[in-house]
């Protein structure tokens, strides 16, 4: 039924439409809305599950951060620290972790979860290290050898870096740093 107001010709027509309610169309429309809401809810649930469901393995990044912290401590701006090399000679009792403020012990873990090893080589002889500084839990080194042949998520993550540096007498050294991070209970889905 359509009602029209034709009293005033200068005014636009006033249209009022009175249609009977279509109950079947409303039911079909509500079923589609329910399906759309269900799809949106399932999508939100899936995104939250993917984001929080599986831990991210950040041990490799943490190993590189450890190596960078050690490298900055022993060689800053291309010069080896005077606490390690003085007058062209290595100080054998160099305890660089106290100088670097690196703490490997944590009350959260019963074992140390980190290990680092720094080897200094002369440029002429890169097979025999002049000085080796080690700190941390050295039980993880054997797992680094296994990781070279096959990758296993439950083993430690090992990172290596090599760079050159000079001492106070401009002698050149090759420095190799190994950083090992375990922490597999928090970073790997068992």
N, C-alpha and C. Protein backbone atom coordinates (compact mmCIF):
# COMPACT_ATOMS: atom_id res chain seq x y z
N UNK A 1 0.84 -1.15 0.00
CA UNK A 1 0.00 0.00 0.00
C UNK A 1 0.90 1.23 0.00
N UNK A 2 0.64 2.17 -0.85
CA UNK A 2 1.43 3.39 -0.97
C UNK A 2 0.50 4.57 -0.75
N UNK A 3 0.90 5.43 0.17
CA UNK A 3 0.14 6.64 0.43
C UNK A 3 0.92 7.82 -0.12
N UNK A 4 0.23 8.68 -0.81
CA UNK A 4 0.88 9.86 -1.36
C UNK A 4 0.09 11.09 -0.95
N UNK A 5 0.82 12.12 -0.65
CA UNK A 5 0.20 13.38 -0.29
C UNK A 5 0.27 14.28 -1.52
N UNK A 6 -0.90 14.58 -2.13
CA UNK A 6 -0.93 15.39 -3.35
C UNK A 6 -1.56 16.74 -3.11
N UNK A 7 -1.70 17.16 -1.88
CA UNK A 7 -2.36 18.42 -1.59
C UNK A 7 -1.55 19.61 -2.09
N UNK A 8 -0.28 19.59 -1.87
CA UNK A 8 0.56 20.72 -2.24
C UNK A 8 1.42 20.32 -3.42
N UNK A 9 1.20 20.92 -4.58
CA UNK A 9 1.93 20.54 -5.77
C UNK A 9 3.35 21.09 -5.76
N UNK A 10 3.61 22.16 -5.02
CA UNK A 10 4.94 22.73 -4.96
C UNK A 10 5.89 21.89 -4.10
N UNK A 11 5.35 21.12 -3.22
CA UNK A 11 6.17 20.28 -2.38
C UNK A 11 6.42 18.95 -3.06
N UNK A 12 7.48 18.38 -2.70
CA UNK A 12 7.76 17.04 -3.22
C UNK A 12 6.79 16.06 -2.62
N UNK A 13 6.60 15.00 -3.34
CA UNK A 13 5.67 13.99 -2.85
C UNK A 13 6.22 13.33 -1.61
N UNK A 14 5.38 13.10 -0.71
CA UNK A 14 5.71 12.38 0.51
C UNK A 14 5.34 10.93 0.30
N UNK A 15 6.33 10.09 0.30
CA UNK A 15 6.08 8.68 0.05
C UNK A 15 6.17 7.91 1.35
N UNK A 16 5.22 7.15 1.62
CA UNK A 16 5.21 6.25 2.76
C UNK A 16 4.86 4.88 2.23
N UNK A 17 5.71 3.97 2.48
CA UNK A 17 5.47 2.62 2.00
C UNK A 17 5.15 1.74 3.19
N UNK A 18 4.05 1.09 3.12
CA UNK A 18 3.67 0.15 4.15
C UNK A 18 3.63 -1.23 3.51
N UNK A 19 4.61 -2.04 3.84
CA UNK A 19 4.68 -3.38 3.29
C UNK A 19 4.45 -4.38 4.40
N UNK A 20 3.85 -5.48 4.10
CA UNK A 20 3.70 -6.49 5.14
C UNK A 20 5.07 -7.10 5.45
N UNK A 21 5.29 -7.45 6.69
CA UNK A 21 6.58 -8.02 7.10
C UNK A 21 6.75 -9.40 6.50
N UNK A 22 7.93 -9.62 5.95
CA UNK A 22 8.26 -10.90 5.34
C UNK A 22 9.03 -11.71 6.36
N UNK A 23 8.39 -12.61 7.04
CA UNK A 23 9.02 -13.38 8.10
C UNK A 23 10.08 -14.34 7.54
N UNK A 24 9.87 -14.92 6.40
CA UNK A 24 10.82 -15.86 5.83
C UNK A 24 12.12 -15.15 5.45
N UNK A 25 12.05 -13.98 4.89
CA UNK A 25 13.24 -13.21 4.53
C UNK A 25 14.05 -12.82 5.74
N UNK A 26 13.40 -12.49 6.84
CA UNK A 26 14.10 -12.15 8.08
C UNK A 26 14.86 -13.35 8.62
N UNK A 27 14.25 -14.52 8.52
CA UNK A 27 14.92 -15.73 9.00
C UNK A 27 16.16 -16.05 8.17
N UNK A 28 16.08 -15.88 6.86
CA UNK A 28 17.23 -16.13 5.99
C UNK A 28 18.32 -15.11 6.27
N UNK A 29 17.93 -13.85 6.42
CA UNK A 29 18.90 -12.80 6.70
C UNK A 29 19.59 -13.03 8.06
N UNK A 30 18.84 -13.45 9.06
CA UNK A 30 19.46 -13.69 10.37
C UNK A 30 20.39 -14.89 10.32
N UNK A 31 20.11 -15.88 9.49
CA UNK A 31 21.01 -17.03 9.35
C UNK A 31 22.32 -16.57 8.72
N UNK A 32 22.27 -15.69 7.74
CA UNK A 32 23.50 -15.16 7.14
C UNK A 32 24.30 -14.33 8.14
N UNK A 33 23.60 -13.52 8.92
CA UNK A 33 24.30 -12.72 9.93
C UNK A 33 24.95 -13.62 10.96
N UNK A 34 24.27 -14.68 11.34
CA UNK A 34 24.86 -15.62 12.28
C UNK A 34 26.10 -16.29 11.69
N UNK A 35 26.05 -16.65 10.42
CA UNK A 35 27.20 -17.25 9.75
C UNK A 35 28.37 -16.27 9.68
N UNK A 36 28.08 -15.01 9.38
CA UNK A 36 29.13 -13.99 9.31
C UNK A 36 29.76 -13.80 10.69
N UNK A 37 28.94 -13.71 11.72
CA UNK A 37 29.47 -13.55 13.07
C UNK A 37 30.30 -14.76 13.49
N UNK A 38 29.87 -15.94 13.10
CA UNK A 38 30.62 -17.15 13.41
C UNK A 38 31.98 -17.15 12.71
N UNK A 39 32.02 -16.73 11.47
CA UNK A 39 33.29 -16.66 10.72
C UNK A 39 34.22 -15.64 11.35
N UNK A 40 33.70 -14.48 11.72
CA UNK A 40 34.53 -13.44 12.35
C UNK A 40 35.06 -13.93 13.69
N UNK A 41 34.22 -14.57 14.50
CA UNK A 41 34.67 -15.08 15.80
C UNK A 41 35.73 -16.17 15.63
N UNK A 42 35.54 -17.05 14.64
CA UNK A 42 36.54 -18.09 14.39
C UNK A 42 37.86 -17.48 13.92
N UNK A 43 37.80 -16.43 13.11
CA UNK A 43 39.02 -15.76 12.66
C UNK A 43 39.77 -15.11 13.82
N UNK A 44 39.05 -14.46 14.71
CA UNK A 44 39.69 -13.84 15.88
C UNK A 44 40.31 -14.90 16.77
N UNK A 45 39.60 -15.99 16.99
CA UNK A 45 40.14 -17.09 17.80
C UNK A 45 41.40 -17.66 17.17
N UNK A 46 41.39 -17.86 15.86
CA UNK A 46 42.55 -18.43 15.16
C UNK A 46 43.75 -17.49 15.27
N UNK A 47 43.53 -16.19 15.12
CA UNK A 47 44.64 -15.23 15.22
C UNK A 47 45.24 -15.23 16.63
N UNK A 48 44.39 -15.25 17.64
CA UNK A 48 44.88 -15.25 19.02
C UNK A 48 45.63 -16.55 19.30
N UNK A 49 45.11 -17.67 18.81
CA UNK A 49 45.78 -18.96 19.04
C UNK A 49 47.14 -19.01 18.36
N UNK A 50 47.23 -18.50 17.14
CA UNK A 50 48.51 -18.50 16.42
C UNK A 50 49.51 -17.59 17.14
N UNK A 51 49.05 -16.46 17.64
CA UNK A 51 49.95 -15.50 18.28
C UNK A 51 50.44 -16.02 19.64
N UNK A 52 49.55 -16.57 20.44
CA UNK A 52 49.92 -16.98 21.79
C UNK A 52 50.12 -18.48 21.94
N UNK A 53 49.75 -19.28 20.98
CA UNK A 53 49.75 -20.73 21.12
C UNK A 53 51.12 -21.38 21.10
N UNK A 54 52.02 -20.91 20.27
CA UNK A 54 53.32 -21.54 20.11
C UNK A 54 54.40 -20.53 20.50
N UNK A 55 55.33 -20.91 21.36
CA UNK A 55 56.38 -19.97 21.73
C UNK A 55 57.31 -19.70 20.55
N UNK A 56 57.80 -18.50 20.48
CA UNK A 56 58.77 -18.15 19.45
C UNK A 56 60.16 -18.47 19.93
N UNK A 57 60.95 -19.08 19.08
CA UNK A 57 62.31 -19.45 19.44
C UNK A 57 63.23 -18.26 19.15
N UNK A 58 63.58 -17.54 20.19
CA UNK A 58 64.41 -16.35 20.04
C UNK A 58 65.84 -16.59 20.51
N UNK A 59 66.21 -17.85 20.69
CA UNK A 59 67.55 -18.16 21.20
C UNK A 59 68.64 -17.74 20.24
N UNK A 60 68.40 -17.85 18.94
CA UNK A 60 69.41 -17.44 17.97
C UNK A 60 69.66 -15.94 18.06
N UNK A 61 68.61 -15.17 18.17
CA UNK A 61 68.74 -13.71 18.32
C UNK A 61 69.42 -13.38 19.64
N UNK A 62 69.05 -14.10 20.70
CA UNK A 62 69.66 -13.87 22.00
C UNK A 62 71.15 -14.21 21.98
N UNK A 63 71.53 -15.25 21.22
CA UNK A 63 72.94 -15.60 21.07
C UNK A 63 73.72 -14.51 20.36
N UNK A 64 73.13 -13.92 19.32
CA UNK A 64 73.80 -12.81 18.62
C UNK A 64 73.90 -11.57 19.51
N UNK A 65 72.89 -11.32 20.33
CA UNK A 65 72.98 -10.20 21.27
C UNK A 65 74.07 -10.43 22.31
N UNK A 66 74.22 -11.68 22.76
CA UNK A 66 75.31 -12.01 23.69
C UNK A 66 76.66 -11.77 23.03
N UNK A 67 76.81 -12.21 21.80
CA UNK A 67 78.07 -12.02 21.08
C UNK A 67 78.36 -10.53 20.90
N UNK A 68 77.35 -9.75 20.55
CA UNK A 68 77.55 -8.31 20.36
C UNK A 68 77.96 -7.63 21.67
N UNK A 69 77.36 -8.06 22.78
CA UNK A 69 77.73 -7.47 24.08
C UNK A 69 79.18 -7.82 24.44
N UNK A 70 79.59 -9.05 24.18
CA UNK A 70 80.97 -9.47 24.46
C UNK A 70 81.93 -8.73 23.53
N UNK A 71 81.57 -8.63 22.26
CA UNK A 71 82.45 -7.95 21.29
C UNK A 71 82.62 -6.48 21.64
N UNK A 72 81.54 -5.82 22.06
CA UNK A 72 81.66 -4.41 22.47
C UNK A 72 82.52 -4.25 23.71
N UNK A 73 82.52 -5.25 24.57
CA UNK A 73 83.30 -5.16 25.79
C UNK A 73 84.79 -5.38 25.53
N UNK A 74 85.15 -6.32 24.65
CA UNK A 74 86.57 -6.59 24.44
C UNK A 74 87.19 -5.72 23.37
N UNK A 75 86.40 -5.23 22.43
CA UNK A 75 86.94 -4.41 21.36
C UNK A 75 85.95 -3.32 21.03
N UNK A 76 86.26 -2.12 21.46
CA UNK A 76 85.38 -0.99 21.18
C UNK A 76 86.05 -0.08 20.16
N UNK A 77 85.35 0.24 19.11
CA UNK A 77 85.85 1.09 18.02
C UNK A 77 87.10 0.51 17.37
N UNK A 78 87.15 -0.80 17.27
CA UNK A 78 88.27 -1.45 16.59
C UNK A 78 89.53 -1.61 17.41
N UNK A 79 89.49 -1.29 18.68
CA UNK A 79 90.64 -1.42 19.58
C UNK A 79 90.33 -2.39 20.70
N UNK A 80 91.24 -3.32 20.95
CA UNK A 80 91.06 -4.30 22.02
C UNK A 80 91.23 -3.59 23.36
N UNK A 81 90.42 -3.96 24.32
CA UNK A 81 90.42 -3.36 25.64
C UNK A 81 91.79 -3.51 26.31
N UNK A 82 92.18 -2.51 27.06
CA UNK A 82 93.48 -2.56 27.75
C UNK A 82 93.47 -3.58 28.88
N UNK A 83 92.30 -4.07 29.31
CA UNK A 83 92.23 -5.11 30.32
C UNK A 83 92.55 -6.49 29.77
N UNK A 84 92.62 -6.61 28.45
CA UNK A 84 92.92 -7.90 27.82
C UNK A 84 94.32 -7.90 27.22
N UNK A 85 94.66 -6.81 26.52
CA UNK A 85 95.99 -6.68 25.92
C UNK A 85 96.59 -5.38 26.42
N UNK A 86 97.81 -5.48 26.95
CA UNK A 86 98.51 -4.29 27.41
C UNK A 86 99.95 -4.34 26.90
N UNK A 87 100.35 -3.31 26.23
CA UNK A 87 101.70 -3.21 25.64
C UNK A 87 102.01 -4.40 24.73
N UNK A 88 101.02 -4.84 23.98
CA UNK A 88 101.22 -5.93 23.02
C UNK A 88 101.22 -7.31 23.64
N UNK A 89 100.97 -7.42 24.95
CA UNK A 89 100.96 -8.73 25.62
C UNK A 89 99.58 -8.97 26.23
N UNK A 90 99.15 -10.24 26.12
CA UNK A 90 97.85 -10.61 26.68
C UNK A 90 97.95 -10.78 28.18
N UNK A 91 96.92 -10.32 28.86
CA UNK A 91 96.81 -10.52 30.30
C UNK A 91 96.10 -11.85 30.49
N UNK A 92 96.75 -12.83 31.08
CA UNK A 92 96.23 -14.19 31.14
C UNK A 92 95.04 -14.35 32.08
N UNK A 93 94.92 -13.54 33.08
CA UNK A 93 93.81 -13.68 34.02
C UNK A 93 92.69 -12.68 33.71
N UNK A 94 92.53 -12.37 32.45
CA UNK A 94 91.49 -11.41 32.06
C UNK A 94 90.11 -11.97 32.37
N UNK A 95 89.39 -11.30 33.22
CA UNK A 95 88.03 -11.69 33.55
C UNK A 95 87.09 -10.64 32.96
N UNK A 96 86.84 -10.79 31.69
CA UNK A 96 86.10 -9.74 30.99
C UNK A 96 84.63 -9.72 31.36
N UNK A 97 84.07 -10.80 31.89
CA UNK A 97 82.65 -10.79 32.23
C UNK A 97 82.36 -9.85 33.39
N UNK A 98 83.27 -9.72 34.33
CA UNK A 98 83.06 -8.74 35.39
C UNK A 98 83.12 -7.32 34.85
N UNK A 99 83.99 -7.08 33.88
CA UNK A 99 84.10 -5.76 33.27
C UNK A 99 82.90 -5.48 32.37
N UNK A 100 82.36 -6.51 31.74
CA UNK A 100 81.24 -6.34 30.80
C UNK A 100 79.88 -6.33 31.49
N UNK A 101 79.83 -6.67 32.74
CA UNK A 101 78.59 -6.72 33.51
C UNK A 101 77.62 -7.74 32.93
N UNK A 102 78.15 -8.88 32.49
CA UNK A 102 77.32 -9.98 32.01
C UNK A 102 77.11 -10.96 33.15
N UNK A 103 75.86 -11.30 33.40
CA UNK A 103 75.51 -12.22 34.49
C UNK A 103 74.90 -13.46 33.85
N UNK A 104 75.55 -14.60 34.05
CA UNK A 104 75.08 -15.84 33.46
C UNK A 104 74.22 -16.66 34.42
N UNK A 105 74.26 -16.37 35.71
CA UNK A 105 73.47 -17.10 36.70
C UNK A 105 72.11 -16.43 36.83
N UNK A 106 71.09 -17.26 37.03
CA UNK A 106 69.75 -16.74 37.22
C UNK A 106 69.04 -17.63 38.23
N UNK A 107 68.23 -17.03 39.06
CA UNK A 107 67.48 -17.82 40.03
C UNK A 107 66.35 -18.59 39.36
N UNK A 108 66.04 -18.23 38.13
CA UNK A 108 64.98 -18.91 37.38
C UNK A 108 65.40 -20.30 36.91
N UNK A 109 66.71 -20.52 36.70
CA UNK A 109 67.23 -21.78 36.18
C UNK A 109 68.18 -22.39 37.19
N UNK A 110 68.20 -23.72 37.25
CA UNK A 110 69.16 -24.36 38.17
C UNK A 110 70.54 -24.43 37.54
N UNK A 111 70.64 -24.51 36.21
CA UNK A 111 71.93 -24.51 35.50
C UNK A 111 72.10 -23.20 34.76
N UNK A 112 73.34 -22.86 34.48
CA UNK A 112 73.60 -21.69 33.64
C UNK A 112 73.09 -21.99 32.23
N UNK A 113 72.43 -21.05 31.62
CA UNK A 113 71.83 -21.25 30.31
C UNK A 113 72.67 -20.64 29.19
N UNK A 114 73.81 -20.05 29.53
CA UNK A 114 74.65 -19.38 28.55
C UNK A 114 76.08 -19.91 28.60
N UNK A 115 76.74 -19.75 27.48
CA UNK A 115 78.17 -20.04 27.41
C UNK A 115 78.75 -19.14 26.33
N UNK A 116 79.92 -18.61 26.60
CA UNK A 116 80.61 -17.83 25.59
C UNK A 116 82.10 -18.17 25.62
N UNK A 117 82.69 -18.12 24.44
CA UNK A 117 84.11 -18.41 24.30
C UNK A 117 84.69 -17.41 23.31
N UNK A 118 85.78 -16.79 23.71
CA UNK A 118 86.45 -15.80 22.87
C UNK A 118 87.86 -16.28 22.61
N UNK A 119 88.23 -16.38 21.34
CA UNK A 119 89.58 -16.80 20.94
C UNK A 119 90.25 -15.66 20.18
N UNK A 120 91.48 -15.35 20.57
CA UNK A 120 92.28 -14.34 19.91
C UNK A 120 93.36 -15.03 19.08
N UNK A 121 93.49 -14.64 17.82
CA UNK A 121 94.48 -15.22 16.91
C UNK A 121 95.31 -14.10 16.29
N UNK A 122 96.56 -14.41 16.03
CA UNK A 122 97.38 -13.53 15.19
C UNK A 122 96.92 -13.71 13.75
N UNK A 123 97.03 -12.69 12.97
CA UNK A 123 96.61 -12.77 11.57
C UNK A 123 97.46 -13.80 10.82
N UNK A 124 98.70 -13.93 11.18
CA UNK A 124 99.59 -14.86 10.49
C UNK A 124 99.28 -16.32 10.79
N UNK A 125 98.70 -16.61 11.97
CA UNK A 125 98.43 -17.99 12.38
C UNK A 125 97.03 -18.06 12.97
N UNK A 126 96.06 -18.44 12.15
CA UNK A 126 94.68 -18.49 12.63
C UNK A 126 94.28 -19.89 13.13
N UNK A 127 95.25 -20.78 13.28
CA UNK A 127 94.96 -22.12 13.77
C UNK A 127 95.23 -22.27 15.27
N UNK A 128 96.12 -21.47 15.81
CA UNK A 128 96.49 -21.57 17.22
C UNK A 128 96.08 -20.29 17.93
N UNK A 129 95.15 -20.36 18.87
CA UNK A 129 94.76 -19.13 19.58
C UNK A 129 95.83 -18.68 20.56
N UNK A 130 96.03 -17.37 20.62
CA UNK A 130 96.96 -16.79 21.59
C UNK A 130 96.34 -16.73 22.98
N UNK A 131 95.05 -16.48 23.03
CA UNK A 131 94.34 -16.38 24.30
C UNK A 131 92.92 -16.89 24.09
N UNK A 132 92.44 -17.68 25.02
CA UNK A 132 91.06 -18.16 25.00
C UNK A 132 90.41 -17.79 26.32
N UNK A 133 89.28 -17.13 26.24
CA UNK A 133 88.52 -16.74 27.42
C UNK A 133 87.18 -17.48 27.34
N UNK A 134 86.85 -18.23 28.40
CA UNK A 134 85.62 -19.01 28.42
C UNK A 134 84.82 -18.64 29.67
N UNK A 135 83.51 -18.62 29.51
CA UNK A 135 82.65 -18.37 30.66
C UNK A 135 81.29 -19.00 30.41
N UNK A 136 80.73 -19.61 31.43
CA UNK A 136 79.40 -20.19 31.33
C UNK A 136 79.45 -21.69 31.49
N UNK A 137 78.38 -22.34 31.11
CA UNK A 137 78.23 -23.79 31.23
C UNK A 137 78.80 -24.45 29.99
N UNK A 138 80.00 -25.05 30.12
CA UNK A 138 80.67 -25.63 28.95
C UNK A 138 80.09 -26.97 28.54
N UNK A 139 79.04 -27.45 29.19
CA UNK A 139 78.38 -28.69 28.77
C UNK A 139 77.64 -28.52 27.45
N UNK A 140 77.37 -27.29 27.06
CA UNK A 140 76.59 -27.04 25.85
C UNK A 140 77.43 -27.11 24.59
N UNK A 141 78.75 -27.12 24.69
CA UNK A 141 79.61 -27.11 23.50
C UNK A 141 79.42 -28.36 22.66
N UNK A 142 79.25 -29.51 23.30
CA UNK A 142 79.06 -30.75 22.54
C UNK A 142 77.80 -30.70 21.70
N UNK A 143 76.77 -30.01 22.17
CA UNK A 143 75.55 -29.89 21.39
C UNK A 143 75.73 -28.98 20.18
N UNK A 144 76.68 -28.06 20.26
CA UNK A 144 76.98 -27.21 19.09
C UNK A 144 77.53 -28.05 17.95
N UNK A 145 78.33 -29.05 18.27
CA UNK A 145 78.87 -29.94 17.23
C UNK A 145 77.76 -30.74 16.56
N UNK A 146 76.78 -31.16 17.35
CA UNK A 146 75.65 -31.90 16.78
C UNK A 146 74.82 -30.99 15.88
N UNK A 147 74.65 -29.73 16.29
CA UNK A 147 73.85 -28.78 15.50
C UNK A 147 74.49 -28.47 14.15
N UNK A 148 75.79 -28.68 14.01
CA UNK A 148 76.44 -28.43 12.72
C UNK A 148 76.00 -29.43 11.67
N UNK A 149 75.75 -30.68 12.09
CA UNK A 149 75.38 -31.72 11.12
C UNK A 149 73.87 -31.79 10.91
N UNK A 150 73.09 -31.66 11.97
CA UNK A 150 71.63 -31.71 11.83
C UNK A 150 71.00 -30.76 12.84
N UNK A 151 69.96 -30.09 12.41
CA UNK A 151 69.29 -29.11 13.26
C UNK A 151 68.22 -29.79 14.10
N UNK A 152 68.32 -29.59 15.40
CA UNK A 152 67.32 -30.11 16.34
C UNK A 152 66.89 -28.95 17.22
N UNK A 153 65.59 -28.78 17.35
CA UNK A 153 65.06 -27.65 18.11
C UNK A 153 65.33 -27.75 19.60
N UNK A 154 65.40 -28.96 20.13
CA UNK A 154 65.54 -29.11 21.58
C UNK A 154 66.97 -28.91 22.07
N UNK A 155 67.92 -28.84 21.14
CA UNK A 155 69.32 -28.60 21.53
C UNK A 155 69.57 -27.10 21.64
N UNK A 156 70.75 -26.76 22.10
CA UNK A 156 71.13 -25.36 22.26
C UNK A 156 71.27 -24.69 20.90
N UNK A 157 71.22 -23.37 20.91
CA UNK A 157 71.47 -22.58 19.71
C UNK A 157 72.85 -21.96 19.83
N UNK A 158 73.67 -22.17 18.82
CA UNK A 158 75.04 -21.68 18.83
C UNK A 158 75.19 -20.61 17.75
N UNK A 159 75.88 -19.54 18.10
CA UNK A 159 76.12 -18.44 17.17
C UNK A 159 77.61 -18.14 17.18
N UNK A 160 78.15 -17.84 16.01
CA UNK A 160 79.57 -17.51 15.86
C UNK A 160 79.72 -16.17 15.16
N UNK A 161 80.71 -15.44 15.57
CA UNK A 161 81.08 -14.19 14.90
C UNK A 161 82.60 -14.10 14.85
N UNK A 162 83.10 -13.51 13.78
CA UNK A 162 84.54 -13.30 13.60
C UNK A 162 84.74 -11.85 13.20
N UNK A 163 85.73 -11.20 13.82
CA UNK A 163 86.06 -9.83 13.42
C UNK A 163 87.53 -9.56 13.72
N UNK A 164 88.01 -8.47 13.16
CA UNK A 164 89.41 -8.05 13.34
C UNK A 164 89.44 -6.88 14.30
N UNK A 165 90.57 -6.78 15.03
CA UNK A 165 90.75 -5.67 15.94
C UNK A 165 92.24 -5.39 16.11
N UNK A 166 92.55 -4.22 16.64
CA UNK A 166 93.94 -3.79 16.86
C UNK A 166 94.19 -3.62 18.35
N UNK A 167 95.44 -3.83 18.76
CA UNK A 167 95.78 -3.54 20.15
C UNK A 167 96.38 -2.14 20.21
N UNK A 168 96.93 -1.77 21.37
CA UNK A 168 97.48 -0.42 21.55
C UNK A 168 98.75 -0.17 20.74
N UNK A 169 99.39 -1.24 20.24
CA UNK A 169 100.59 -1.09 19.40
C UNK A 169 100.28 -1.38 17.93
N UNK A 170 99.00 -1.35 17.56
CA UNK A 170 98.51 -1.57 16.20
C UNK A 170 98.81 -2.96 15.66
N UNK A 171 98.96 -3.95 16.52
CA UNK A 171 99.05 -5.34 16.08
C UNK A 171 97.64 -5.81 15.74
N UNK A 172 97.53 -6.56 14.65
CA UNK A 172 96.22 -7.02 14.20
C UNK A 172 95.91 -8.40 14.78
N UNK A 173 94.65 -8.57 15.18
CA UNK A 173 94.19 -9.84 15.74
C UNK A 173 92.85 -10.22 15.11
N UNK A 174 92.70 -11.50 14.94
CA UNK A 174 91.42 -12.06 14.53
C UNK A 174 90.75 -12.57 15.80
N UNK A 175 89.50 -12.17 16.03
CA UNK A 175 88.79 -12.55 17.24
C UNK A 175 87.56 -13.36 16.83
N UNK A 176 87.47 -14.58 17.38
CA UNK A 176 86.32 -15.45 17.13
C UNK A 176 85.54 -15.58 18.43
N UNK A 177 84.24 -15.33 18.35
CA UNK A 177 83.38 -15.40 19.54
C UNK A 177 82.29 -16.44 19.28
N UNK A 178 82.14 -17.33 20.23
CA UNK A 178 81.07 -18.32 20.21
C UNK A 178 80.09 -17.97 21.31
N UNK A 179 78.82 -17.89 20.97
CA UNK A 179 77.77 -17.64 21.95
C UNK A 179 76.78 -18.79 21.93
N UNK A 180 76.48 -19.34 23.10
CA UNK A 180 75.57 -20.49 23.19
C UNK A 180 74.45 -20.13 24.16
N UNK A 181 73.21 -20.40 23.72
CA UNK A 181 72.03 -20.16 24.56
C UNK A 181 71.21 -21.44 24.59
N UNK A 182 70.86 -21.90 25.78
CA UNK A 182 70.05 -23.12 25.89
C UNK A 182 68.58 -22.75 25.99
N UNK A 183 68.06 -22.49 27.13
CA UNK A 183 66.71 -22.03 27.41
C UNK A 183 65.65 -22.68 26.52
N UNK A 184 65.79 -23.97 26.27
CA UNK A 184 64.86 -24.66 25.37
C UNK A 184 63.49 -24.90 26.03
N UNK A 185 63.40 -24.89 27.35
CA UNK A 185 62.10 -25.11 28.00
C UNK A 185 61.12 -24.00 27.71
N UNK A 186 61.62 -22.77 27.55
CA UNK A 186 60.73 -21.63 27.29
C UNK A 186 60.58 -21.31 25.82
N UNK A 187 61.53 -21.70 25.00
CA UNK A 187 61.52 -21.28 23.61
C UNK A 187 61.11 -22.35 22.61
N UNK A 188 61.03 -23.58 23.03
CA UNK A 188 60.74 -24.66 22.10
C UNK A 188 59.51 -25.41 22.58
N UNK A 189 58.61 -25.70 21.66
CA UNK A 189 57.43 -26.48 21.99
C UNK A 189 57.84 -27.94 22.10
N UNK A 190 57.72 -28.51 23.26
CA UNK A 190 58.14 -29.89 23.51
C UNK A 190 57.07 -30.87 23.11
